[in-house]
């Protein structure tokens, strides 16, 4: 490798919103993530339930106080 053209590549700490932290190597010192392998539904086996929010017409009617026909 040529001297002086490559970024500094040292250990860094990755921290998740759930509180999980682990060490890895990167060009930055600290990395913050929203979802990690400890809290992601794919890895934990928990399924997210989708909530039916209704159609456009029903939401419009509800918003402006009219009843759907």
PDB file of N, CA and C in Angstrom:
ATOM      1  N   UNK A   1       0.837  -1.177   0.000  1.00  0.00           N
ATOM      2  CA  UNK A   1       0.000   0.000   0.000  1.00  0.00           C
ATOM      3  C   UNK A   1       0.886   1.246   0.000  1.00  0.00           C
ATOM      4  N   UNK A   2       0.443   2.245  -0.699  1.00  0.00           N
ATOM      5  CA  UNK A   2       1.178   3.495  -0.750  1.00  0.00           C
ATOM      6  C   UNK A   2       0.978   4.277   0.536  1.00  0.00           C
ATOM      7  N   UNK A   3       1.990   4.948   0.960  1.00  0.00           N
ATOM      8  CA  UNK A   3       1.938   5.730   2.190  1.00  0.00           C
ATOM      9  C   UNK A   3       1.164   7.023   1.975  1.00  0.00           C
ATOM     10  N   UNK A   4       0.305   7.373   2.960  1.00  0.00           N
ATOM     11  CA  UNK A   4      -0.349   8.664   2.970  1.00  0.00           C
ATOM     12  C   UNK A   4      -1.626   8.804   2.155  1.00  0.00           C
ATOM     13  N   UNK A   5      -2.084   7.768   1.429  1.00  0.00           N
ATOM     14  CA  UNK A   5      -3.299   7.923   0.628  1.00  0.00           C
ATOM     15  C   UNK A   5      -4.481   7.144   1.192  1.00  0.00           C
ATOM     16  N   UNK A   6      -4.225   6.239   2.133  1.00  0.00           N
ATOM     17  CA  UNK A   6      -5.288   5.408   2.682  1.00  0.00           C
ATOM     18  C   UNK A   6      -5.795   5.979   3.999  1.00  0.00           C
ATOM     19  N   UNK A   7      -7.117   5.873   4.262  1.00  0.00           N
ATOM     20  CA  UNK A   7      -7.653   6.393   5.528  1.00  0.00           C
ATOM     21  C   UNK A   7      -7.232   5.517   6.706  1.00  0.00           C
ATOM     22  N   UNK A   8      -7.284   6.086   7.883  1.00  0.00           N
ATOM     23  CA  UNK A   8      -6.959   5.367   9.104  1.00  0.00           C
ATOM     24  C   UNK A   8      -8.048   4.319   9.355  1.00  0.00           C
ATOM     25  N   UNK A   9      -7.670   3.068   9.544  1.00  0.00           N
ATOM     26  CA  UNK A   9      -8.600   1.947   9.689  1.00  0.00           C
ATOM     27  C   UNK A   9      -8.327   1.263  11.022  1.00  0.00           C
ATOM     28  N   UNK A  10      -9.041   1.706  12.069  1.00  0.00           N
ATOM     29  CA  UNK A  10      -8.848   1.175  13.412  1.00  0.00           C
ATOM     30  C   UNK A  10     -10.157   0.628  13.962  1.00  0.00           C
ATOM     31  N   UNK A  11     -10.106   0.186  15.190  1.00  0.00           N
ATOM     32  CA  UNK A  11     -11.292  -0.330  15.854  1.00  0.00           C
ATOM     33  C   UNK A  11     -12.322   0.763  16.106  1.00  0.00           C
ATOM     34  N   UNK A  12     -13.594   0.402  16.012  1.00  0.00           N
ATOM     35  CA  UNK A  12     -14.677   1.343  16.288  1.00  0.00           C
ATOM     36  C   UNK A  12     -15.779   0.620  17.045  1.00  0.00           C
ATOM     37  N   UNK A  13     -16.615   1.395  17.715  1.00  0.00           N
ATOM     38  CA  UNK A  13     -17.712   0.860  18.505  1.00  0.00           C
ATOM     39  C   UNK A  13     -19.022   1.108  17.776  1.00  0.00           C
ATOM     40  N   UNK A  14     -19.818   0.053  17.604  1.00  0.00           N
ATOM     41  CA  UNK A  14     -21.141   0.160  17.000  1.00  0.00           C
ATOM     42  C   UNK A  14     -22.160   0.082  18.121  1.00  0.00           C
ATOM     43  N   UNK A  15     -23.073   1.059  18.184  1.00  0.00           N
ATOM     44  CA  UNK A  15     -24.098   1.047  19.221  1.00  0.00           C
ATOM     45  C   UNK A  15     -25.475   1.155  18.575  1.00  0.00           C
ATOM     46  N   UNK A  16     -26.404   0.360  19.103  1.00  0.00           N
ATOM     47  CA  UNK A  16     -27.769   0.308  18.589  1.00  0.00           C
ATOM     48  C   UNK A  16     -28.692   1.025  19.563  1.00  0.00           C
ATOM     49  N   UNK A  17     -29.878   1.390  19.094  1.00  0.00           N
ATOM     50  CA  UNK A  17     -30.867   2.041  19.942  1.00  0.00           C
ATOM     51  C   UNK A  17     -31.302   1.108  21.081  1.00  0.00           C
ATOM     52  N   UNK A  18     -31.316  -0.189  20.853  1.00  0.00           N
ATOM     53  CA  UNK A  18     -31.754  -1.144  21.870  1.00  0.00           C
ATOM     54  C   UNK A  18     -30.752  -1.284  23.006  1.00  0.00           C
ATOM     55  N   UNK A  19     -29.551  -0.743  22.847  1.00  0.00           N
ATOM     56  CA  UNK A  19     -28.538  -0.803  23.892  1.00  0.00           C
ATOM     57  C   UNK A  19     -27.391  -1.750  23.585  1.00  0.00           C
ATOM     58  N   UNK A  20     -27.492  -2.523  22.559  1.00  0.00           N
ATOM     59  CA  UNK A  20     -26.445  -3.463  22.168  1.00  0.00           C
ATOM     60  C   UNK A  20     -25.242  -2.687  21.623  1.00  0.00           C
ATOM     61  N   UNK A  21     -24.047  -3.063  22.033  1.00  0.00           N
ATOM     62  CA  UNK A  21     -22.818  -2.481  21.497  1.00  0.00           C
ATOM     63  C   UNK A  21     -21.854  -3.602  21.156  1.00  0.00           C
ATOM     64  N   UNK A  22     -21.057  -3.390  20.130  1.00  0.00           N
ATOM     65  CA  UNK A  22     -20.024  -4.354  19.771  1.00  0.00           C
ATOM     66  C   UNK A  22     -18.898  -3.633  19.050  1.00  0.00           C
ATOM     67  N   UNK A  23     -17.764  -4.296  18.980  1.00  0.00           N
ATOM     68  CA  UNK A  23     -16.565  -3.721  18.370  1.00  0.00           C
ATOM     69  C   UNK A  23     -16.385  -4.251  16.952  1.00  0.00           C
ATOM     70  N   UNK A  24     -15.927  -3.387  16.083  1.00  0.00           N
ATOM     71  CA  UNK A  24     -15.595  -3.763  14.712  1.00  0.00           C
ATOM     72  C   UNK A  24     -14.487  -2.836  14.235  1.00  0.00           C
ATOM     73  N   UNK A  25     -14.121  -2.935  12.987  1.00  0.00           N
ATOM     74  CA  UNK A  25     -13.093  -2.048  12.443  1.00  0.00           C
ATOM     75  C   UNK A  25     -13.718  -1.172  11.369  1.00  0.00           C
ATOM     76  N   UNK A  26     -13.354   0.107  11.405  1.00  0.00           N
ATOM     77  CA  UNK A  26     -13.910   1.062  10.463  1.00  0.00           C
ATOM     78  C   UNK A  26     -13.007   2.284  10.392  1.00  0.00           C
ATOM     79  N   UNK A  27     -13.317   3.167   9.469  1.00  0.00           N
ATOM     80  CA  UNK A  27     -12.567   4.419   9.363  1.00  0.00           C
ATOM     81  C   UNK A  27     -13.114   5.485  10.303  1.00  0.00           C
ATOM     82  N   UNK A  28     -14.261   5.237  10.958  1.00  0.00           N
ATOM     83  CA  UNK A  28     -14.833   6.156  11.936  1.00  0.00           C
ATOM     84  C   UNK A  28     -14.710   5.559  13.336  1.00  0.00           C
ATOM     85  N   UNK A  29     -14.771   6.400  14.346  1.00  0.00           N
ATOM     86  CA  UNK A  29     -14.619   5.921  15.724  1.00  0.00           C
ATOM     87  C   UNK A  29     -15.893   5.291  16.265  1.00  0.00           C
ATOM     88  N   UNK A  30     -17.029   5.952  16.074  1.00  0.00           N
ATOM     89  CA  UNK A  30     -18.311   5.473  16.611  1.00  0.00           C
ATOM     90  C   UNK A  30     -19.344   5.399  15.501  1.00  0.00           C
ATOM     91  N   UNK A  31     -20.133   4.320  15.516  1.00  0.00           N
ATOM     92  CA  UNK A  31     -21.200   4.129  14.545  1.00  0.00           C
ATOM     93  C   UNK A  31     -22.479   3.895  15.326  1.00  0.00           C
ATOM     94  N   UNK A  32     -23.554   4.630  14.982  1.00  0.00           N
ATOM     95  CA  UNK A  32     -24.851   4.455  15.633  1.00  0.00           C
ATOM     96  C   UNK A  32     -25.832   3.900  14.608  1.00  0.00           C
ATOM     97  N   UNK A  33     -26.539   2.833  14.993  1.00  0.00           N
ATOM     98  CA  UNK A  33     -27.510   2.209  14.103  1.00  0.00           C
ATOM     99  C   UNK A  33     -28.862   2.140  14.802  1.00  0.00           C
ATOM    100  N   UNK A  34     -29.934   2.035  14.022  1.00  0.00           N
ATOM    101  CA  UNK A  34     -31.284   1.938  14.576  1.00  0.00           C
ATOM    102  C   UNK A  34     -31.687   0.495  14.839  1.00  0.00           C
ATOM    103  N   UNK A  35     -31.213  -0.434  14.015  1.00  0.00           N
ATOM    104  CA  UNK A  35     -31.601  -1.831  14.135  1.00  0.00           C
ATOM    105  C   UNK A  35     -30.349  -2.691  14.024  1.00  0.00           C
ATOM    106  N   UNK A  36     -30.195  -3.630  14.959  1.00  0.00           N
ATOM    107  CA  UNK A  36     -29.063  -4.554  14.911  1.00  0.00           C
ATOM    108  C   UNK A  36     -29.592  -5.989  14.865  1.00  0.00           C
ATOM    109  N   UNK A  37     -28.697  -6.957  14.877  1.00  0.00           N
ATOM    110  CA  UNK A  37     -29.119  -8.353  14.808  1.00  0.00           C
ATOM    111  C   UNK A  37     -29.805  -8.811  16.091  1.00  0.00           C
ATOM    112  N   UNK A  38     -29.637  -8.085  17.186  1.00  0.00           N
ATOM    113  CA  UNK A  38     -30.292  -8.450  18.441  1.00  0.00           C
ATOM    114  C   UNK A  38     -31.766  -8.043  18.451  1.00  0.00           C
ATOM    115  N   UNK A  39     -32.112  -6.923  17.787  1.00  0.00           N
ATOM    116  CA  UNK A  39     -33.488  -6.427  17.852  1.00  0.00           C
ATOM    117  C   UNK A  39     -34.235  -6.495  16.514  1.00  0.00           C
ATOM    118  N   UNK A  40     -33.596  -6.917  15.427  1.00  0.00           N
ATOM    119  CA  UNK A  40     -34.268  -6.997  14.135  1.00  0.00           C
ATOM    120  C   UNK A  40     -35.219  -8.188  14.117  1.00  0.00           C
ATOM    121  N   UNK A  41     -36.466  -8.011  13.644  1.00  0.00           N
ATOM    122  CA  UNK A  41     -37.461  -9.089  13.660  1.00  0.00           C
ATOM    123  C   UNK A  41     -37.037 -10.334  12.872  1.00  0.00           C
ATOM    124  N   UNK A  42     -36.257 -10.178  11.834  1.00  0.00           N
ATOM    125  CA  UNK A  42     -35.824 -11.335  11.049  1.00  0.00           C
ATOM    126  C   UNK A  42     -34.947 -12.259  11.885  1.00  0.00           C
ATOM    127  N   UNK A  43     -34.072 -11.689  12.701  1.00  0.00           N
ATOM    128  CA  UNK A  43     -33.156 -12.490  13.509  1.00  0.00           C
ATOM    129  C   UNK A  43     -33.775 -12.946  14.826  1.00  0.00           C
ATOM    130  N   UNK A  44     -34.716 -12.177  15.365  1.00  0.00           N
ATOM    131  CA  UNK A  44     -35.322 -12.538  16.646  1.00  0.00           C
ATOM    132  C   UNK A  44     -36.481 -13.505  16.486  1.00  0.00           C
ATOM    133  N   UNK A  45     -37.046 -13.617  15.291  1.00  0.00           N
ATOM    134  CA  UNK A  45     -38.160 -14.522  15.055  1.00  0.00           C
ATOM    135  C   UNK A  45     -39.511 -13.898  15.339  1.00  0.00           C
ATOM    136  N   UNK A  46     -39.535 -12.632  15.721  1.00  0.00           N
ATOM    137  CA  UNK A  46     -40.794 -11.952  15.979  1.00  0.00           C
ATOM    138  C   UNK A  46     -41.291 -11.359  14.671  1.00  0.00           C
ATOM    139  N   UNK A  47     -42.582 -11.468  14.463  1.00  0.00           N
ATOM    140  CA  UNK A  47     -43.173 -10.931  13.245  1.00  0.00           C
ATOM    141  C   UNK A  47     -43.845  -9.614  13.560  1.00  0.00           C
ATOM    142  N   UNK A  48     -43.737  -8.678  12.666  1.00  0.00           N
ATOM    143  CA  UNK A  48     -44.443  -7.423  12.818  1.00  0.00           C
ATOM    144  C   UNK A  48     -45.808  -7.568  12.179  1.00  0.00           C
ATOM    145  N   UNK A  49     -46.832  -7.099  12.868  1.00  0.00           N
ATOM    146  CA  UNK A  49     -48.176  -7.173  12.338  1.00  0.00           C
ATOM    147  C   UNK A  49     -48.500  -5.894  11.602  1.00  0.00           C
ATOM    148  N   UNK A  50     -49.048  -6.047  10.436  1.00  0.00           N
ATOM    149  CA  UNK A  50     -49.441  -4.882   9.661  1.00  0.00           C
ATOM    150  C   UNK A  50     -50.837  -4.454  10.095  1.00  0.00           C
ATOM    151  N   UNK A  51     -50.997  -3.166  10.275  1.00  0.00           N
ATOM    152  CA  UNK A  51     -52.283  -2.625  10.695  1.00  0.00           C
ATOM    153  C   UNK A  51     -53.007  -2.109   9.456  1.00  0.00           C
ATOM    154  N   UNK A  52     -54.239  -2.542   9.305  1.00  0.00           N
ATOM    155  CA  UNK A  52     -55.030  -2.075   8.182  1.00  0.00           C
ATOM    156  C   UNK A  52     -55.470  -0.650   8.460  1.00  0.00           C
ATOM    157  N   UNK A  53     -55.075   0.262   7.590  1.00  0.00           N
ATOM    158  CA  UNK A  53     -55.393   1.671   7.824  1.00  0.00           C
ATOM    159  C   UNK A  53     -56.575   2.136   6.997  1.00  0.00           C
ATOM    160  N   UNK A  54     -57.194   1.257   6.259  1.00  0.00           N
ATOM    161  CA  UNK A  54     -58.358   1.640   5.461  1.00  0.00           C
ATOM    162  C   UNK A  54     -57.945   2.252   4.140  1.00  0.00           C
ATOM    163  N   UNK A  55     -58.947   2.441   3.293  1.00  0.00           N
ATOM    164  CA  UNK A  55     -58.684   2.996   1.981  1.00  0.00           C
ATOM    165  C   UNK A  55     -58.673   4.512   1.993  1.00  0.00           C
ATOM    166  N   UNK A  56     -58.365   5.079   0.865  1.00  0.00           N
ATOM    167  CA  UNK A  56     -58.296   6.533   0.737  1.00  0.00           C
ATOM    168  C   UNK A  56     -59.647   7.197   0.973  1.00  0.00           C
ATOM    169  N   UNK A  57     -60.667   6.625   0.415  1.00  0.00           N
ATOM    170  CA  UNK A  57     -62.001   7.228   0.518  1.00  0.00           C
ATOM    171  C   UNK A  57     -62.481   7.206   1.967  1.00  0.00           C
ATOM    172  N   UNK A  58     -62.293   6.069   2.655  1.00  0.00           N
ATOM    173  CA  UNK A  58     -62.722   5.973   4.045  1.00  0.00           C
ATOM    174  C   UNK A  58     -61.970   6.963   4.921  1.00  0.00           C
ATOM    175  N   UNK A  59     -60.674   7.136   4.696  1.00  0.00           N
ATOM    176  CA  UNK A  59     -59.906   8.104   5.478  1.00  0.00           C
ATOM    177  C   UNK A  59     -60.355   9.534   5.199  1.00  0.00           C
ATOM    178  N   UNK A  60     -60.665   9.833   3.941  1.00  0.00           N
ATOM    179  CA  UNK A  60     -61.151  11.170   3.582  1.00  0.00           C
ATOM    180  C   UNK A  60     -62.481  11.452   4.258  1.00  0.00           C
ATOM    181  N   UNK A  61     -63.387  10.484   4.197  1.00  0.00           N
ATOM    182  CA  UNK A  61     -64.703  10.654   4.800  1.00  0.00           C
ATOM    183  C   UNK A  61     -64.581  10.828   6.316  1.00  0.00           C
ATOM    184  N   UNK A  62     -63.706  10.074   6.941  1.00  0.00           N
ATOM    185  CA  UNK A  62     -63.511  10.174   8.385  1.00  0.00           C
ATOM    186  C   UNK A  62     -62.908  11.527   8.759  1.00  0.00           C
ATOM    187  N   UNK A  63     -61.972  12.006   7.948  1.00  0.00           N
ATOM    188  CA  UNK A  63     -61.303  13.267   8.216  1.00  0.00           C
ATOM    189  C   UNK A  63     -62.247  14.448   8.141  1.00  0.00           C
ATOM    190  N   UNK A  64     -63.156  14.437   7.180  1.00  0.00           N
ATOM    191  CA  UNK A  64     -64.038  15.586   6.978  1.00  0.00           C
ATOM    192  C   UNK A  64     -65.453  15.351   7.529  1.00  0.00           C
ATOM    193  N   UNK A  65     -65.631  14.320   8.340  1.00  0.00           N
ATOM    194  CA  UNK A  65     -66.873  14.116   9.070  1.00  0.00           C
ATOM    195  C   UNK A  65     -68.048  13.676   8.236  1.00  0.00           C
ATOM    196  N   UNK A  66     -67.814  13.037   7.132  1.00  0.00           N
ATOM    197  CA  UNK A  66     -68.893  12.544   6.298  1.00  0.00           C
ATOM    198  C   UNK A  66     -68.936  11.031   6.387  1.00  0.00           C
ATOM    199  N   UNK A  67     -70.088  10.465   6.177  1.00  0.00           N
ATOM    200  CA  UNK A  67     -70.215   9.020   6.203  1.00  0.00           C
ATOM    201  C   UNK A  67     -70.004   8.452   4.817  1.00  0.00           C
ATOM    202  N   UNK A  68     -69.347   7.295   4.771  1.00  0.00           N
ATOM    203  CA  UNK A  68     -69.135   6.629   3.478  1.00  0.00           C
ATOM    204  C   UNK A  68     -70.438   6.003   3.013  1.00  0.00           C
ATOM    205  N   UNK A  69     -70.673   6.061   1.717  1.00  0.00           N
ATOM    206  CA  UNK A  69     -71.901   5.491   1.144  1.00  0.00           C
ATOM    207  C   UNK A  69     -71.685   4.071   0.698  1.00  0.00           C
TER     208      UNK A  69
END
